[in-house]
């Protein structure tokens, strides 16, 4: 792999990481802590939405983000010819 390809590969990888970590931060901290009072005015299945984000939502989103990252990295590896 050439140096230019290596730099492009890592740049895309870091872009993916920044986007996914931003989503995680938004769901975990912003929705689960900072906006909890506003979200608690909405109820889903009898539970306040702020409570749901703080207790279960952030975990579900984190697991989904793991699978999204795996898919993105597999695609990126194929694009640059470094797949296993």
PDB file of N, CA and C in Angstrom:
ATOM      1  N   UNK A   1       0.851  -1.169   0.000  1.00  0.00           N
ATOM      2  CA  UNK A   1       0.000   0.000   0.000  1.00  0.00           C
ATOM      3  C   UNK A   1       0.902   1.239   0.000  1.00  0.00           C
ATOM      4  N   UNK A   2       0.608   2.169  -0.865  1.00  0.00           N
ATOM      5  CA  UNK A   2       1.427   3.377  -0.948  1.00  0.00           C
ATOM      6  C   UNK A   2       1.144   4.308   0.227  1.00  0.00           C
ATOM      7  N   UNK A   3       2.058   5.234   0.444  1.00  0.00           N
ATOM      8  CA  UNK A   3       1.895   6.165   1.555  1.00  0.00           C
ATOM      9  C   UNK A   3       0.644   7.023   1.409  1.00  0.00           C
ATOM     10  N   UNK A   4       0.331   7.414   0.174  1.00  0.00           N
ATOM     11  CA  UNK A   4      -0.865   8.219  -0.056  1.00  0.00           C
ATOM     12  C   UNK A   4      -2.128   7.431   0.285  1.00  0.00           C
ATOM     13  N   UNK A   5      -2.136   6.150  -0.110  1.00  0.00           N
ATOM     14  CA  UNK A   5      -3.285   5.298   0.220  1.00  0.00           C
ATOM     15  C   UNK A   5      -3.407   5.076   1.720  1.00  0.00           C
ATOM     16  N   UNK A   6      -2.276   4.916   2.397  1.00  0.00           N
ATOM     17  CA  UNK A   6      -2.306   4.732   3.852  1.00  0.00           C
ATOM     18  C   UNK A   6      -2.873   5.969   4.535  1.00  0.00           C
ATOM     19  N   UNK A   7      -2.453   7.145   4.085  1.00  0.00           N
ATOM     20  CA  UNK A   7      -2.970   8.383   4.672  1.00  0.00           C
ATOM     21  C   UNK A   7      -4.462   8.536   4.398  1.00  0.00           C
ATOM     22  N   UNK A   8      -4.892   8.218   3.194  1.00  0.00           N
ATOM     23  CA  UNK A   8      -6.314   8.310   2.846  1.00  0.00           C
ATOM     24  C   UNK A   8      -7.129   7.311   3.669  1.00  0.00           C
ATOM     25  N   UNK A   9      -6.602   6.109   3.837  1.00  0.00           N
ATOM     26  CA  UNK A   9      -7.268   5.071   4.626  1.00  0.00           C
ATOM     27  C   UNK A   9      -7.482   5.558   6.057  1.00  0.00           C
ATOM     28  N   UNK A  10      -6.428   6.070   6.680  1.00  0.00           N
ATOM     29  CA  UNK A  10      -6.539   6.511   8.068  1.00  0.00           C
ATOM     30  C   UNK A  10      -7.395   7.753   8.210  1.00  0.00           C
ATOM     31  N   UNK A  11      -7.365   8.616   7.199  1.00  0.00           N
ATOM     32  CA  UNK A  11      -8.226   9.797   7.243  1.00  0.00           C
ATOM     33  C   UNK A  11      -9.694   9.393   7.228  1.00  0.00           C
ATOM     34  N   UNK A  12     -10.058   8.446   6.369  1.00  0.00           N
ATOM     35  CA  UNK A  12     -11.436   7.961   6.335  1.00  0.00           C
ATOM     36  C   UNK A  12     -11.803   7.245   7.631  1.00  0.00           C
ATOM     37  N   UNK A  13     -10.873   6.450   8.152  1.00  0.00           N
ATOM     38  CA  UNK A  13     -11.110   5.747   9.405  1.00  0.00           C
ATOM     39  C   UNK A  13     -11.376   6.744  10.534  1.00  0.00           C
ATOM     40  N   UNK A  14     -10.560   7.782  10.641  1.00  0.00           N
ATOM     41  CA  UNK A  14     -10.750   8.779  11.693  1.00  0.00           C
ATOM     42  C   UNK A  14     -12.036   9.575  11.494  1.00  0.00           C
ATOM     43  N   UNK A  15     -12.428   9.783  10.259  1.00  0.00           N
ATOM     44  CA  UNK A  15     -13.703  10.444   9.989  1.00  0.00           C
ATOM     45  C   UNK A  15     -14.864   9.596  10.490  1.00  0.00           C
ATOM     46  N   UNK A  16     -14.818   8.299  10.183  1.00  0.00           N
ATOM     47  CA  UNK A  16     -15.849   7.386  10.694  1.00  0.00           C
ATOM     48  C   UNK A  16     -15.895   7.404  12.217  1.00  0.00           C
ATOM     49  N   UNK A  17     -14.727   7.333  12.843  1.00  0.00           N
ATOM     50  CA  UNK A  17     -14.675   7.339  14.301  1.00  0.00           C
ATOM     51  C   UNK A  17     -15.254   8.627  14.882  1.00  0.00           C
ATOM     52  N   UNK A  18     -14.913   9.757  14.296  1.00  0.00           N
ATOM     53  CA  UNK A  18     -15.423  11.032  14.793  1.00  0.00           C
ATOM     54  C   UNK A  18     -16.938  11.107  14.688  1.00  0.00           C
ATOM     55  N   UNK A  19     -17.478  10.644  13.575  1.00  0.00           N
ATOM     56  CA  UNK A  19     -18.931  10.676  13.384  1.00  0.00           C
ATOM     57  C   UNK A  19     -19.622   9.735  14.375  1.00  0.00           C
ATOM     58  N   UNK A  20     -19.126   8.512  14.496  1.00  0.00           N
ATOM     59  CA  UNK A  20     -19.764   7.543  15.383  1.00  0.00           C
ATOM     60  C   UNK A  20     -19.639   7.941  16.849  1.00  0.00           C
ATOM     61  N   UNK A  21     -18.493   8.478  17.242  1.00  0.00           N
ATOM     62  CA  UNK A  21     -18.332   8.936  18.625  1.00  0.00           C
ATOM     63  C   UNK A  21     -19.197  10.157  18.909  1.00  0.00           C
ATOM     64  N   UNK A  22     -19.420  10.984  17.910  1.00  0.00           N
ATOM     65  CA  UNK A  22     -20.318  12.130  18.087  1.00  0.00           C
ATOM     66  C   UNK A  22     -21.754  11.666  18.313  1.00  0.00           C
ATOM     67  N   UNK A  23     -22.165  10.661  17.563  1.00  0.00           N
ATOM     68  CA  UNK A  23     -23.505  10.093  17.758  1.00  0.00           C
ATOM     69  C   UNK A  23     -23.618   9.499  19.152  1.00  0.00           C
ATOM     70  N   UNK A  24     -22.593   8.764  19.581  1.00  0.00           N
ATOM     71  CA  UNK A  24     -22.600   8.167  20.909  1.00  0.00           C
ATOM     72  C   UNK A  24     -22.686   9.248  21.983  1.00  0.00           C
ATOM     73  N   UNK A  25     -21.906  10.316  21.834  1.00  0.00           N
ATOM     74  CA  UNK A  25     -21.928  11.420  22.796  1.00  0.00           C
ATOM     75  C   UNK A  25     -23.299  12.068  22.835  1.00  0.00           C
ATOM     76  N   UNK A  26     -23.878  12.298  21.668  1.00  0.00           N
ATOM     77  CA  UNK A  26     -25.193  12.924  21.599  1.00  0.00           C
ATOM     78  C   UNK A  26     -26.235  12.096  22.338  1.00  0.00           C
ATOM     79  N   UNK A  27     -26.264  10.804  22.063  1.00  0.00           N
ATOM     80  CA  UNK A  27     -27.269   9.942  22.681  1.00  0.00           C
ATOM     81  C   UNK A  27     -26.999   9.748  24.177  1.00  0.00           C
ATOM     82  N   UNK A  28     -25.749   9.493  24.553  1.00  0.00           N
ATOM     83  CA  UNK A  28     -25.429   9.176  25.938  1.00  0.00           C
ATOM     84  C   UNK A  28     -25.498  10.384  26.852  1.00  0.00           C
ATOM     85  N   UNK A  29     -24.800  11.426  26.480  1.00  0.00           N
ATOM     86  CA  UNK A  29     -24.679  12.575  27.372  1.00  0.00           C
ATOM     87  C   UNK A  29     -25.734  13.639  27.132  1.00  0.00           C
ATOM     88  N   UNK A  30     -25.911  14.030  25.886  1.00  0.00           N
ATOM     89  CA  UNK A  30     -26.846  15.124  25.613  1.00  0.00           C
ATOM     90  C   UNK A  30     -28.278  14.677  25.887  1.00  0.00           C
ATOM     91  N   UNK A  31     -28.705  13.558  25.286  1.00  0.00           N
ATOM     92  CA  UNK A  31     -30.072  13.095  25.507  1.00  0.00           C
ATOM     93  C   UNK A  31     -30.260  12.510  26.904  1.00  0.00           C
ATOM     94  N   UNK A  32     -29.271  11.778  27.400  1.00  0.00           N
ATOM     95  CA  UNK A  32     -29.408  11.086  28.680  1.00  0.00           C
ATOM     96  C   UNK A  32     -29.182  11.949  29.903  1.00  0.00           C
ATOM     97  N   UNK A  33     -28.483  13.086  29.751  1.00  0.00           N
ATOM     98  CA  UNK A  33     -28.174  13.920  30.912  1.00  0.00           C
ATOM     99  C   UNK A  33     -28.676  15.353  30.734  1.00  0.00           C
ATOM    100  N   UNK A  34     -28.240  16.023  29.687  1.00  0.00           N
ATOM    101  CA  UNK A  34     -28.528  17.446  29.536  1.00  0.00           C
ATOM    102  C   UNK A  34     -29.973  17.735  29.139  1.00  0.00           C
ATOM    103  N   UNK A  35     -30.559  16.929  28.294  1.00  0.00           N
ATOM    104  CA  UNK A  35     -31.923  17.166  27.824  1.00  0.00           C
ATOM    105  C   UNK A  35     -32.950  16.248  28.484  1.00  0.00           C
ATOM    106  N   UNK A  36     -32.563  15.639  29.590  1.00  0.00           N
ATOM    107  CA  UNK A  36     -33.442  14.651  30.209  1.00  0.00           C
ATOM    108  C   UNK A  36     -34.775  15.270  30.642  1.00  0.00           C
ATOM    109  N   UNK A  37     -34.769  16.483  31.152  1.00  0.00           N
ATOM    110  CA  UNK A  37     -36.027  17.091  31.598  1.00  0.00           C
ATOM    111  C   UNK A  37     -36.977  17.350  30.432  1.00  0.00           C
ATOM    112  N   UNK A  38     -36.434  17.823  29.312  1.00  0.00           N
ATOM    113  CA  UNK A  38     -37.284  18.065  28.149  1.00  0.00           C
ATOM    114  C   UNK A  38     -37.796  16.751  27.559  1.00  0.00           C
ATOM    115  N   UNK A  39     -36.927  15.732  27.526  1.00  0.00           N
ATOM    116  CA  UNK A  39     -37.335  14.442  26.959  1.00  0.00           C
ATOM    117  C   UNK A  39     -38.308  13.702  27.861  1.00  0.00           C
ATOM    118  N   UNK A  40     -38.284  13.976  29.165  1.00  0.00           N
ATOM    119  CA  UNK A  40     -39.186  13.293  30.091  1.00  0.00           C
ATOM    120  C   UNK A  40     -40.639  13.703  29.911  1.00  0.00           C
ATOM    121  N   UNK A  41     -40.890  14.738  29.126  1.00  0.00           N
ATOM    122  CA  UNK A  41     -42.279  15.120  28.854  1.00  0.00           C
ATOM    123  C   UNK A  41     -42.924  14.173  27.840  1.00  0.00           C
ATOM    124  N   UNK A  42     -42.113  13.356  27.164  1.00  0.00           N
ATOM    125  CA  UNK A  42     -42.597  12.390  26.176  1.00  0.00           C
ATOM    126  C   UNK A  42     -42.548  11.001  26.807  1.00  0.00           C
ATOM    127  N   UNK A  43     -43.615  10.242  26.671  1.00  0.00           N
ATOM    128  CA  UNK A  43     -43.652   8.889  27.221  1.00  0.00           C
ATOM    129  C   UNK A  43     -43.760   7.862  26.105  1.00  0.00           C
ATOM    130  N   UNK A  44     -43.007   6.775  26.250  1.00  0.00           N
ATOM    131  CA  UNK A  44     -43.066   5.649  25.323  1.00  0.00           C
ATOM    132  C   UNK A  44     -43.269   4.391  26.161  1.00  0.00           C
ATOM    133  N   UNK A  45     -44.342   3.677  25.903  1.00  0.00           N
ATOM    134  CA  UNK A  45     -44.690   2.452  26.635  1.00  0.00           C
ATOM    135  C   UNK A  45     -44.705   2.685  28.140  1.00  0.00           C
ATOM    136  N   UNK A  46     -45.145   3.868  28.550  1.00  0.00           N
ATOM    137  CA  UNK A  46     -45.264   4.172  29.965  1.00  0.00           C
ATOM    138  C   UNK A  46     -43.993   4.691  30.615  1.00  0.00           C
ATOM    139  N   UNK A  47     -42.894   4.728  29.883  1.00  0.00           N
ATOM    140  CA  UNK A  47     -41.632   5.228  30.428  1.00  0.00           C
ATOM    141  C   UNK A  47     -41.308   6.587  29.833  1.00  0.00           C
ATOM    142  N   UNK A  48     -40.738   7.444  30.640  1.00  0.00           N
ATOM    143  CA  UNK A  48     -40.329   8.749  30.148  1.00  0.00           C
ATOM    144  C   UNK A  48     -39.150   8.577  29.198  1.00  0.00           C
ATOM    145  N   UNK A  49     -39.140   9.345  28.113  1.00  0.00           N
ATOM    146  CA  UNK A  49     -38.118   9.194  27.075  1.00  0.00           C
ATOM    147  C   UNK A  49     -36.725   9.508  27.603  1.00  0.00           C
ATOM    148  N   UNK A  50     -36.581  10.494  28.471  1.00  0.00           N
ATOM    149  CA  UNK A  50     -35.278  10.808  29.056  1.00  0.00           C
ATOM    150  C   UNK A  50     -34.737   9.640  29.865  1.00  0.00           C
ATOM    151  N   UNK A  51     -35.606   9.007  30.639  1.00  0.00           N
ATOM    152  CA  UNK A  51     -35.213   7.820  31.401  1.00  0.00           C
ATOM    153  C   UNK A  51     -34.787   6.706  30.459  1.00  0.00           C
ATOM    154  N   UNK A  52     -35.538   6.505  29.371  1.00  0.00           N
ATOM    155  CA  UNK A  52     -35.221   5.453  28.421  1.00  0.00           C
ATOM    156  C   UNK A  52     -33.847   5.672  27.808  1.00  0.00           C
ATOM    157  N   UNK A  53     -33.545   6.915  27.374  1.00  0.00           N
ATOM    158  CA  UNK A  53     -32.229   7.201  26.801  1.00  0.00           C
ATOM    159  C   UNK A  53     -31.126   6.948  27.814  1.00  0.00           C
ATOM    160  N   UNK A  54     -31.335   7.347  29.050  1.00  0.00           N
ATOM    161  CA  UNK A  54     -30.299   7.193  30.067  1.00  0.00           C
ATOM    162  C   UNK A  54     -30.083   5.728  30.445  1.00  0.00           C
ATOM    163  N   UNK A  55     -31.139   4.926  30.461  1.00  0.00           N
ATOM    164  CA  UNK A  55     -31.028   3.562  30.956  1.00  0.00           C
ATOM    165  C   UNK A  55     -30.805   2.520  29.861  1.00  0.00           C
ATOM    166  N   UNK A  56     -31.566   2.574  28.792  1.00  0.00           N
ATOM    167  CA  UNK A  56     -31.443   1.553  27.769  1.00  0.00           C
ATOM    168  C   UNK A  56     -31.000   2.084  26.422  1.00  0.00           C
ATOM    169  N   UNK A  57     -31.470   3.239  26.054  1.00  0.00           N
ATOM    170  CA  UNK A  57     -31.223   3.773  24.726  1.00  0.00           C
ATOM    171  C   UNK A  57     -29.757   3.929  24.393  1.00  0.00           C
ATOM    172  N   UNK A  58     -28.990   4.436  25.338  1.00  0.00           N
ATOM    173  CA  UNK A  58     -27.566   4.634  25.062  1.00  0.00           C
ATOM    174  C   UNK A  58     -26.847   3.308  24.847  1.00  0.00           C
ATOM    175  N   UNK A  59     -27.258   2.272  25.553  1.00  0.00           N
ATOM    176  CA  UNK A  59     -26.636   0.956  25.362  1.00  0.00           C
ATOM    177  C   UNK A  59     -26.996   0.366  24.002  1.00  0.00           C
ATOM    178  N   UNK A  60     -28.262   0.481  23.630  1.00  0.00           N
ATOM    179  CA  UNK A  60     -28.687  -0.032  22.330  1.00  0.00           C
ATOM    180  C   UNK A  60     -27.982   0.701  21.200  1.00  0.00           C
ATOM    181  N   UNK A  61     -27.898   2.014  21.313  1.00  0.00           N
ATOM    182  CA  UNK A  61     -27.234   2.796  20.278  1.00  0.00           C
ATOM    183  C   UNK A  61     -25.759   2.421  20.212  1.00  0.00           C
ATOM    184  N   UNK A  62     -25.112   2.214  21.354  1.00  0.00           N
ATOM    185  CA  UNK A  62     -23.706   1.831  21.371  1.00  0.00           C
ATOM    186  C   UNK A  62     -23.484   0.507  20.647  1.00  0.00           C
ATOM    187  N   UNK A  63     -24.337  -0.479  20.892  1.00  0.00           N
ATOM    188  CA  UNK A  63     -24.212  -1.774  20.226  1.00  0.00           C
ATOM    189  C   UNK A  63     -24.446  -1.624  18.722  1.00  0.00           C
ATOM    190  N   UNK A  64     -25.430  -0.836  18.331  1.00  0.00           N
ATOM    191  CA  UNK A  64     -25.683  -0.595  16.908  1.00  0.00           C
ATOM    192  C   UNK A  64     -24.477   0.089  16.267  1.00  0.00           C
ATOM    193  N   UNK A  65     -23.875   1.041  16.968  1.00  0.00           N
ATOM    194  CA  UNK A  65     -22.700   1.732  16.436  1.00  0.00           C
ATOM    195  C   UNK A  65     -21.524   0.783  16.234  1.00  0.00           C
ATOM    196  N   UNK A  66     -21.397  -0.221  17.079  1.00  0.00           N
ATOM    197  CA  UNK A  66     -20.344  -1.219  16.895  1.00  0.00           C
ATOM    198  C   UNK A  66     -20.539  -1.947  15.571  1.00  0.00           C
ATOM    199  N   UNK A  67     -21.770  -2.384  15.302  1.00  0.00           N
ATOM    200  CA  UNK A  67     -22.043  -3.090  14.050  1.00  0.00           C
ATOM    201  C   UNK A  67     -21.880  -2.176  12.835  1.00  0.00           C
ATOM    202  N   UNK A  68     -22.270  -0.920  12.973  1.00  0.00           N
ATOM    203  CA  UNK A  68     -22.089   0.044  11.885  1.00  0.00           C
ATOM    204  C   UNK A  68     -20.597   0.231  11.611  1.00  0.00           C
ATOM    205  N   UNK A  69     -19.803   0.338  12.668  1.00  0.00           N
ATOM    206  CA  UNK A  69     -18.355   0.511  12.499  1.00  0.00           C
ATOM    207  C   UNK A  69     -17.735  -0.705  11.806  1.00  0.00           C
ATOM    208  N   UNK A  70     -18.163  -1.893  12.190  1.00  0.00           N
ATOM    209  CA  UNK A  70     -17.646  -3.107  11.547  1.00  0.00           C
ATOM    210  C   UNK A  70     -17.969  -3.086  10.055  1.00  0.00           C
ATOM    211  N   UNK A  71     -19.205  -2.737   9.715  1.00  0.00           N
ATOM    212  CA  UNK A  71     -19.608  -2.677   8.304  1.00  0.00           C
ATOM    213  C   UNK A  71     -18.803  -1.629   7.550  1.00  0.00           C
ATOM    214  N   UNK A  72     -18.646  -0.452   8.139  1.00  0.00           N
ATOM    215  CA  UNK A  72     -17.882   0.618   7.498  1.00  0.00           C
ATOM    216  C   UNK A  72     -16.426   0.223   7.300  1.00  0.00           C
ATOM    217  N   UNK A  73     -15.842  -0.424   8.287  1.00  0.00           N
ATOM    218  CA  UNK A  73     -14.431  -0.812   8.185  1.00  0.00           C
ATOM    219  C   UNK A  73     -14.237  -1.940   7.179  1.00  0.00           C
ATOM    220  N   UNK A  74     -15.171  -2.862   7.103  1.00  0.00           N
ATOM    221  CA  UNK A  74     -15.071  -3.915   6.089  1.00  0.00           C
ATOM    222  C   UNK A  74     -15.132  -3.316   4.688  1.00  0.00           C
ATOM    223  N   UNK A  75     -16.015  -2.357   4.491  1.00  0.00           N
ATOM    224  CA  UNK A  75     -16.109  -1.672   3.205  1.00  0.00           C
ATOM    225  C   UNK A  75     -14.833  -0.889   2.917  1.00  0.00           C
ATOM    226  N   UNK A  76     -14.314  -0.200   3.922  1.00  0.00           N
ATOM    227  CA  UNK A  76     -13.089   0.578   3.751  1.00  0.00           C
ATOM    228  C   UNK A  76     -11.898  -0.332   3.448  1.00  0.00           C
ATOM    229  N   UNK A  77     -11.813  -1.456   4.140  1.00  0.00           N
ATOM    230  CA  UNK A  77     -10.725  -2.409   3.883  1.00  0.00           C
ATOM    231  C   UNK A  77     -10.770  -2.925   2.445  1.00  0.00           C
ATOM    232  N   UNK A  78     -11.961  -3.243   1.960  1.00  0.00           N
ATOM    233  CA  UNK A  78     -12.094  -3.710   0.574  1.00  0.00           C
ATOM    234  C   UNK A  78     -11.702  -2.615  -0.409  1.00  0.00           C
ATOM    235  N   UNK A  79     -12.093  -1.388  -0.104  1.00  0.00           N
ATOM    236  CA  UNK A  79     -11.780  -0.259  -0.981  1.00  0.00           C
ATOM    237  C   UNK A  79     -10.284  -0.077  -1.149  1.00  0.00           C
ATOM    238  N   UNK A  80      -9.522  -0.277  -0.077  1.00  0.00           N
ATOM    239  CA  UNK A  80      -8.067  -0.086  -0.127  1.00  0.00           C
ATOM    240  C   UNK A  80      -7.294  -1.394  -0.277  1.00  0.00           C
ATOM    241  N   UNK A  81      -7.986  -2.504  -0.412  1.00  0.00           N
ATOM    242  CA  UNK A  81      -7.335  -3.771  -0.656  1.00  0.00           C
ATOM    243  C   UNK A  81      -6.579  -4.352   0.532  1.00  0.00           C
ATOM    244  N   UNK A  82      -7.069  -4.106   1.726  1.00  0.00           N
ATOM    245  CA  UNK A  82      -6.409  -4.642   2.921  1.00  0.00           C
ATOM    246  C   UNK A  82      -7.314  -5.577   3.710  1.00  0.00           C
ATOM    247  N   UNK A  83      -8.365  -6.094   3.055  1.00  0.00           N
ATOM    248  CA  UNK A  83      -9.284  -6.986   3.766  1.00  0.00           C
ATOM    249  C   UNK A  83      -8.596  -8.323   4.068  1.00  0.00           C
ATOM    250  N   UNK A  84      -9.144  -8.977   5.078  1.00  0.00           N
ATOM    251  CA  UNK A  84      -8.587 -10.262   5.499  1.00  0.00           C
ATOM    252  C   UNK A  84      -9.102 -11.371   4.627  1.00  0.00           C
TER     253      UNK A  84
END
